[in-house]
Amino acid sequence: MSVIANKEKDLFINEQIRAKEVMVIGPNGEQLGIKSIKDALTLANYAGFDLVLMSPNANPQVCKIMDYNKFKYESKKKNKENLKKQRENNLEIKEYRLSVSIDVHDFDTRVRNSSKYLEKGHKIKVSIRFKGREMAHPELGREVLLRFAESLNEISVIEQKPTMDGRFMTMILMPKKEK
């Protein structure tokens, strides 16, 4: 019989276990002692569970009597929860580009979209690209950025004030901390 386990860290169960003697742990965590593999399988079948090899490197190898499918389900659920928490910790920065002569409707749309993003807990980077003669009037771009920050002042605070970097003026907003 070939073994098709260990694809994704699967454990050996029941007849896949090749040891002669194993340390057996019961379904409630109690130690049942060192048993032959046949006796351990009989105990597991009698209890209506699977015999799962938990520690293959130990001497003797350690097996536990448990419901293997339930164990796999709970471990997948735990991994999924850990990934979710990890994603929450890795917050993103979303960039919105405006122009000096942005229309009212476009401005309102960007404010609305960025407010949704801020409510999720992410940061917002707002930038303006100056074209041609607009470079002579950076104060117009600063006014647009400050108006943008003012329209979001209920849910965000300015982390980095508007700064000029070449042809771009950028500002970073972060969500307000809830008390």
Protein backbone atom coordinates (compact mmCIF):
# COMPACT_ATOMS: atom_id res chain seq x y z
CA MET A 1 0.00 0.00 0.00
CA SER A 2 1.51 3.36 -1.01
CA VAL A 3 1.11 6.34 1.28
CA ILE A 4 -0.57 9.41 -0.22
CA ALA A 5 -0.36 11.46 2.98
CA ASN A 6 1.92 14.38 3.85
CA LYS A 7 0.72 16.59 1.00
CA GLU A 8 0.05 19.50 3.32
CA LYS A 9 1.60 18.32 6.57
CA ASP A 10 -0.99 15.55 6.95
CA LEU A 11 -0.31 13.19 9.81
CA PHE A 12 -0.17 9.43 9.45
CA ILE A 13 -3.37 7.73 10.60
CA ASN A 14 -4.48 4.17 11.37
CA GLU A 15 -2.85 1.65 8.98
CA GLN A 16 -0.37 4.23 7.65
CA ILE A 17 1.57 4.05 10.93
CA ARG A 18 4.55 1.70 10.49
CA ALA A 19 5.92 1.49 14.07
CA LYS A 20 5.78 -1.77 16.06
CA GLU A 21 5.10 -0.12 19.42
CA VAL A 22 3.66 3.31 20.16
CA MET A 23 2.89 5.44 23.20
CA VAL A 24 -0.90 5.83 23.15
CA ILE A 25 -2.75 8.90 24.41
CA GLY A 26 -6.49 8.59 24.89
CA PRO A 27 -9.21 10.85 23.47
CA ASN A 28 -9.35 12.87 26.72
CA GLY A 29 -5.58 13.35 26.95
CA GLU A 30 -4.84 10.52 29.39
CA GLN A 31 -1.78 8.33 28.76
CA LEU A 32 -2.68 4.71 28.08
CA GLY A 33 0.94 3.51 27.98
CA ILE A 34 3.09 1.79 25.40
CA LYS A 35 1.07 -0.64 23.25
CA SER A 36 1.65 -2.65 20.11
CA ILE A 37 0.25 -1.05 16.97
CA LYS A 38 -2.47 -3.71 16.68
CA ASP A 39 -3.66 -3.09 20.26
CA ALA A 40 -3.62 0.68 19.68
CA LEU A 41 -5.68 0.31 16.49
CA THR A 42 -8.14 -1.95 18.32
CA LEU A 43 -8.51 0.66 21.09
CA ALA A 44 -9.09 3.41 18.52
CA ASN A 45 -11.68 1.35 16.62
CA TYR A 46 -13.42 0.44 19.87
CA ALA A 47 -13.64 4.14 20.81
CA GLY A 48 -14.90 5.00 17.30
CA PHE A 49 -11.95 7.30 16.52
CA ASP A 50 -8.75 7.27 14.49
CA LEU A 51 -5.23 6.54 15.68
CA VAL A 52 -3.11 9.55 14.68
CA LEU A 53 0.70 9.64 14.77
CA MET A 54 1.43 12.93 16.57
CA SER A 55 5.18 12.68 17.19
CA PRO A 56 7.01 10.44 14.70
CA ASN A 57 10.51 11.41 15.94
CA ALA A 58 9.94 10.42 19.56
CA ASN A 59 11.09 7.09 20.93
CA PRO A 60 8.62 5.34 21.13
CA GLN A 61 6.46 7.22 18.64
CA VAL A 62 3.45 8.99 20.16
CA CYS A 63 -0.05 8.35 18.83
CA LYS A 64 -3.31 9.89 19.92
CA ILE A 65 -6.82 8.52 19.65
CA MET A 66 -8.98 11.29 18.14
CA ASP A 67 -11.46 12.24 15.44
CA TYR A 68 -8.97 13.08 12.67
CA ASN A 69 -11.42 14.95 10.41
CA LYS A 70 -12.49 17.18 13.28
CA PHE A 71 -8.81 17.80 14.14
CA LYS A 72 -8.01 18.78 10.53
CA TYR A 73 -11.08 21.06 10.36
CA GLU A 74 -10.17 22.86 13.58
CA SER A 75 -6.53 23.32 12.55
CA LYS A 76 -7.57 24.77 9.17
CA LYS A 77 -9.97 27.09 10.97
CA LYS A 78 -7.20 28.19 13.35
CA ASN A 79 -4.79 28.83 10.44
CA LYS A 80 -7.44 30.87 8.65
CA GLU A 81 -8.01 32.96 11.79
CA ASN A 82 -4.26 33.54 12.17
CA LEU A 83 -4.00 34.70 8.54
CA LYS A 84 -6.91 37.07 9.11
CA LYS A 85 -5.18 38.59 12.14
CA GLN A 86 -1.94 38.85 10.16
CA ARG A 87 -3.75 40.72 7.36
CA GLU A 88 -5.24 43.14 9.89
CA ASN A 89 -1.74 43.96 11.14
CA ASN A 90 -0.39 44.59 7.64
CA LEU A 91 -2.29 47.76 6.80
CA GLU A 92 -1.99 49.19 3.33
CA ILE A 93 -1.55 52.70 1.97
CA LYS A 94 -3.96 53.64 -0.79
CA GLU A 95 -2.96 56.50 -3.07
CA TYR A 96 -5.43 58.99 -4.51
CA ARG A 97 -4.27 61.44 -7.18
CA LEU A 98 -5.87 64.84 -7.48
CA SER A 99 -5.14 67.81 -9.72
CA VAL A 100 -4.97 71.50 -9.00
CA SER A 101 -8.08 72.13 -11.11
CA ILE A 102 -10.14 69.13 -9.92
CA ASP A 103 -13.88 69.28 -10.50
CA VAL A 104 -16.26 69.29 -7.50
CA HIS A 105 -17.88 65.98 -8.41
CA ASP A 106 -14.51 64.23 -8.90
CA PHE A 107 -13.29 65.67 -5.61
CA ASP A 108 -16.41 64.41 -3.76
CA THR A 109 -16.07 60.96 -5.33
CA ARG A 110 -12.46 60.64 -4.17
CA VAL A 111 -13.41 61.83 -0.68
CA ARG A 112 -16.21 59.25 -0.51
CA ASN A 113 -13.94 56.40 -1.73
CA SER A 114 -11.11 57.33 0.61
CA SER A 115 -13.47 57.55 3.60
CA LYS A 116 -14.50 53.92 3.02
CA TYR A 117 -10.83 52.95 2.94
CA LEU A 118 -10.04 54.93 6.10
CA GLU A 119 -12.93 53.25 7.94
CA LYS A 120 -11.27 49.89 7.24
CA GLY A 121 -8.22 51.19 9.13
CA HIS A 122 -5.90 51.81 6.18
CA LYS A 123 -3.84 54.93 5.48
CA ILE A 124 -4.42 57.27 2.56
CA LYS A 125 -1.74 59.00 0.48
CA VAL A 126 -3.11 61.98 -1.44
CA SER A 127 -0.95 63.45 -4.18
CA ILE A 128 -1.17 66.22 -6.73
CA ARG A 129 0.92 66.32 -9.91
CA PHE A 130 1.73 69.78 -11.11
CA LYS A 131 1.78 70.23 -14.90
CA GLY A 132 3.45 73.06 -16.80
CA ARG A 133 2.71 76.48 -15.34
CA GLU A 134 0.98 74.97 -12.29
CA MET A 135 4.50 74.59 -10.86
CA ALA A 136 4.56 78.35 -10.31
CA HIS A 137 1.60 78.12 -7.89
CA PRO A 138 2.15 75.29 -5.39
CA GLU A 139 -0.14 77.08 -2.89
CA LEU A 140 -3.13 76.11 -5.08
CA GLY A 141 -2.22 72.43 -4.71
CA ARG A 142 -1.71 72.85 -0.97
CA GLU A 143 -5.23 74.35 -0.71
CA VAL A 144 -6.73 71.35 -2.55
CA LEU A 145 -4.92 68.89 -0.26
CA LEU A 146 -5.94 70.75 2.90
CA ARG A 147 -9.56 70.92 1.67
CA PHE A 148 -9.39 67.14 1.11
CA ALA A 149 -8.08 66.63 4.66
CA GLU A 150 -10.74 69.00 6.04
CA SER A 151 -13.53 67.03 4.36
CA LEU A 152 -12.24 63.85 6.07
CA ASN A 153 -11.37 65.39 9.46
CA GLU A 154 -14.11 63.44 11.29
CA ILE A 155 -12.51 60.07 10.54
CA SER A 156 -8.85 60.91 9.88
CA VAL A 157 -5.89 62.97 11.02
CA ILE A 158 -2.96 64.28 8.98
CA GLU A 159 0.08 62.09 9.55
CA GLN A 160 2.31 63.94 7.10
CA LYS A 161 1.55 67.52 6.09
CA PRO A 162 1.63 68.43 2.37
CA THR A 163 5.21 68.34 1.13
CA MET A 164 6.63 69.08 -2.30
CA ASP A 165 8.72 66.39 -4.01
CA GLY A 166 9.66 67.31 -7.57
CA ARG A 167 6.41 67.76 -9.53
CA PHE A 168 4.34 66.05 -6.84
CA MET A 169 2.90 67.36 -3.58
CA THR A 170 1.89 64.57 -1.20
CA MET A 171 0.09 64.27 2.10
CA ILE A 172 -0.66 61.18 4.21
CA LEU A 173 -3.86 60.73 6.20
CA MET A 174 -4.37 58.05 8.83
CA PRO A 175 -7.58 56.97 10.57
CA LYS A 176 -8.37 58.45 13.97
CA LYS A 177 -7.77 56.18 16.93
CA GLU A 178 -11.05 55.20 18.58
CA LYS A 179 -11.16 55.55 22.34
